[in-house]
Amino acid sequence: MRRILAILMENEPGSLSRIVGLFSQRAFNIESLTVAPTEDSSLSRMTIATKGDDKILEQIVKQVNKLIDVIKITDITDRSHLERELLLVKVAAMSDKSRTEVKRITDIFRGSIVDIGKQIYTVQLTGDAEKLNAFIETLKNETEIIEAVRSGTVGIARGEKALRI
């Protein structure tokens, strides 16, 4: 089962490696990991997307929660939440036809062209993983994808509840 974990932690060297180490010790794969400072620069928020056995994940969550740098960990998977990823993709745009198709597909998916070269367009798109995967598959049918990079999942619970101290 796919799980999304939100972790509030001290913004200190080594915090990330201690958390990732717990996953590694249990041979539990991390599908995506994002981390950045919060509005309070002394704190960071980490979002981990993972798949696997619920019992092992429950143990990892308990162990992560015991780490001194961790303030709070929440599994937001079963709660009402928002998930987003960022995709940047370079595509070949060598002819008028391919440039028109890239623009059309980008507009349909509500993305934007953020850089234009002589023969390459760079497109930015945000959304859930399914949307980004569909966009990539659609592009593959129309033009050559030169390079793609994804941010990984970030998630936040809906409503007034917040991951705070």
Protein backbone atom coordinates (compact mmCIF):
# COMPACT_ATOMS: atom_id res chain seq x y z
CA MET A 1 0.00 0.00 0.00
CA ARG A 2 1.26 3.51 -0.81
CA ARG A 3 1.75 5.79 2.22
CA ILE A 4 2.51 9.51 2.55
CA LEU A 5 4.35 10.52 5.73
CA ALA A 6 4.73 14.14 6.81
CA ILE A 7 7.55 14.77 9.29
CA LEU A 8 8.29 17.98 11.17
CA MET A 9 11.88 18.00 12.43
CA GLU A 10 14.70 20.18 13.64
CA ASN A 11 16.63 21.76 10.78
CA GLU A 12 19.94 20.22 11.85
CA PRO A 13 22.76 18.38 10.03
CA GLY A 14 22.27 14.61 10.10
CA SER A 15 18.50 14.66 10.68
CA LEU A 16 17.71 13.47 7.17
CA SER A 17 20.28 10.65 7.24
CA ARG A 18 18.97 9.32 10.58
CA ILE A 19 15.42 9.09 9.23
CA VAL A 20 16.47 7.55 5.92
CA GLY A 21 18.70 5.12 7.86
CA LEU A 22 15.66 3.69 9.63
CA PHE A 23 14.03 2.93 6.30
CA SER A 24 17.24 1.37 5.02
CA GLN A 25 17.68 -0.83 8.13
CA ARG A 26 14.24 -2.33 7.52
CA ALA A 27 14.87 -2.72 3.76
CA PHE A 28 11.92 -0.42 3.15
CA ASN A 29 12.01 1.53 -0.11
CA ILE A 30 11.42 5.27 -0.28
CA GLU A 31 9.51 6.12 -3.46
CA SER A 32 10.12 9.86 -3.11
CA LEU A 33 11.51 12.18 -0.49
CA THR A 34 11.29 15.96 -0.28
CA VAL A 35 12.58 18.15 2.52
CA ALA A 36 12.88 21.90 3.00
CA PRO A 37 12.81 24.51 5.76
CA THR A 38 9.38 25.66 6.95
CA GLU A 39 8.19 29.18 7.72
CA ASP A 40 10.28 28.76 10.91
CA SER A 41 13.89 28.40 9.68
CA SER A 42 14.80 26.22 12.69
CA LEU A 43 12.40 23.53 11.44
CA SER A 44 12.21 21.42 8.28
CA ARG A 45 9.31 19.48 6.82
CA MET A 46 9.94 16.18 5.13
CA THR A 47 7.46 14.30 2.97
CA ILE A 48 8.15 10.63 2.30
CA ALA A 49 6.15 8.58 -0.18
CA THR A 50 6.63 4.85 0.23
CA LYS A 51 4.97 1.53 -0.49
CA GLY A 52 4.96 -1.58 1.62
CA ASP A 53 3.71 -3.68 4.47
CA ASP A 54 1.63 -1.81 7.08
CA LYS A 55 3.26 -3.61 10.06
CA ILE A 56 6.79 -2.67 9.04
CA LEU A 57 5.75 0.89 8.27
CA GLU A 58 4.09 1.16 11.69
CA GLN A 59 7.38 0.14 13.32
CA ILE A 60 9.34 2.65 11.24
CA VAL A 61 6.90 5.44 12.19
CA LYS A 62 7.32 4.57 15.89
CA GLN A 63 11.12 4.54 15.58
CA VAL A 64 11.22 7.80 13.59
CA ASN A 65 9.03 9.42 16.25
CA LYS A 66 11.63 8.48 18.90
CA LEU A 67 14.46 10.32 17.11
CA ILE A 68 15.55 13.41 19.01
CA ASP A 69 15.36 15.68 15.92
CA VAL A 70 11.79 14.63 15.08
CA ILE A 71 9.04 16.82 16.49
CA LYS A 72 6.06 15.13 14.87
CA ILE A 73 5.31 12.47 12.26
CA THR A 74 1.91 12.03 10.63
CA ASP A 75 0.67 9.50 8.10
CA ILE A 76 -1.63 11.65 5.93
CA THR A 77 -2.54 8.87 3.49
CA ASP A 78 -5.96 8.08 4.92
CA ARG A 79 -6.83 11.68 5.77
CA SER A 80 -8.22 14.20 3.35
CA HIS A 81 -5.08 15.73 1.82
CA LEU A 82 -3.52 17.33 -1.23
CA GLU A 83 -0.54 15.86 -3.09
CA ARG A 84 1.54 17.54 -5.75
CA GLU A 85 4.71 16.92 -7.72
CA LEU A 86 6.67 19.24 -9.97
CA LEU A 87 7.89 18.04 -13.37
CA LEU A 88 10.40 19.79 -15.60
CA VAL A 89 10.82 18.17 -19.01
CA LYS A 90 12.95 19.12 -22.03
CA VAL A 91 11.46 18.14 -25.36
CA ALA A 92 12.58 18.36 -28.96
CA ALA A 93 10.81 21.19 -30.78
CA MET A 94 12.54 21.11 -34.14
CA SER A 95 9.65 21.80 -36.47
CA ASP A 96 6.63 24.08 -36.45
CA LYS A 97 4.43 20.99 -36.12
CA SER A 98 6.26 19.65 -33.06
CA ARG A 99 6.34 23.10 -31.41
CA THR A 100 2.59 23.45 -31.97
CA GLU A 101 1.90 19.97 -30.55
CA VAL A 102 4.06 20.54 -27.47
CA LYS A 103 2.25 23.85 -26.83
CA ARG A 104 -1.17 22.23 -27.34
CA ILE A 105 -0.43 19.29 -25.01
CA THR A 106 1.08 21.61 -22.40
CA ASP A 107 -2.05 23.79 -22.47
CA ILE A 108 -4.36 20.77 -22.16
CA PHE A 109 -2.49 19.62 -19.03
CA ARG A 110 -2.36 23.21 -17.68
CA GLY A 111 1.41 23.34 -17.75
CA SER A 112 3.67 26.10 -18.96
CA ILE A 113 6.63 26.42 -21.26
CA VAL A 114 9.32 27.97 -19.07
CA ASP A 115 12.26 28.01 -21.49
CA ILE A 116 12.54 28.12 -25.26
CA GLY A 117 15.69 27.31 -27.21
CA LYS A 118 16.24 26.97 -30.95
CA GLN A 119 15.17 23.32 -30.93
CA ILE A 120 14.23 22.58 -27.32
CA TYR A 121 11.29 23.58 -25.12
CA THR A 122 11.34 23.12 -21.36
CA VAL A 123 7.91 22.50 -19.87
CA GLN A 124 6.84 22.83 -16.23
CA LEU A 125 3.86 20.90 -14.88
CA THR A 126 2.47 20.33 -11.39
CA GLY A 127 -0.06 17.76 -10.27
CA ASP A 128 -0.42 14.30 -8.86
CA ALA A 129 1.68 11.41 -10.14
CA GLU A 130 -1.08 10.13 -12.45
CA LYS A 131 -1.35 13.49 -14.22
CA LEU A 132 2.42 13.76 -14.68
CA ASN A 133 2.65 10.18 -15.98
CA ALA A 134 -0.18 10.82 -18.46
CA PHE A 135 1.54 14.01 -19.65
CA ILE A 136 4.83 12.19 -20.25
CA GLU A 137 3.09 9.37 -22.15
CA THR A 138 1.22 11.89 -24.32
CA LEU A 139 4.44 13.78 -25.08
CA LYS A 140 6.25 10.56 -26.02
CA ASN A 141 3.70 10.01 -28.78
CA GLU A 142 4.34 13.45 -30.30
CA THR A 143 7.99 14.34 -29.76
CA GLU A 144 11.30 13.20 -28.28
CA ILE A 145 11.77 13.68 -24.54
CA ILE A 146 15.36 14.76 -23.99
CA GLU A 147 15.38 14.95 -20.21
CA ALA A 148 12.85 14.88 -17.37
CA VAL A 149 13.15 15.58 -13.66
CA ARG A 150 10.50 15.26 -10.93
CA SER A 151 10.47 16.75 -7.47
CA GLY A 152 8.78 13.86 -5.69
CA THR A 153 5.55 14.06 -3.78
CA VAL A 154 4.75 16.80 -1.30
CA GLY A 155 1.55 16.56 0.67
CA ILE A 156 -0.50 18.52 3.15
CA ALA A 157 -3.64 17.63 5.08
CA ARG A 158 -6.80 19.54 4.23
CA GLY A 159 -8.55 21.71 6.77
CA GLU A 160 -7.39 23.55 9.84
CA LYS A 161 -5.21 20.86 11.38
CA ALA A 162 -1.54 21.60 10.88
CA LEU A 163 1.72 19.76 11.45
CA ARG A 164 3.12 22.04 14.17
CA ILE A 165 4.95 21.96 17.46
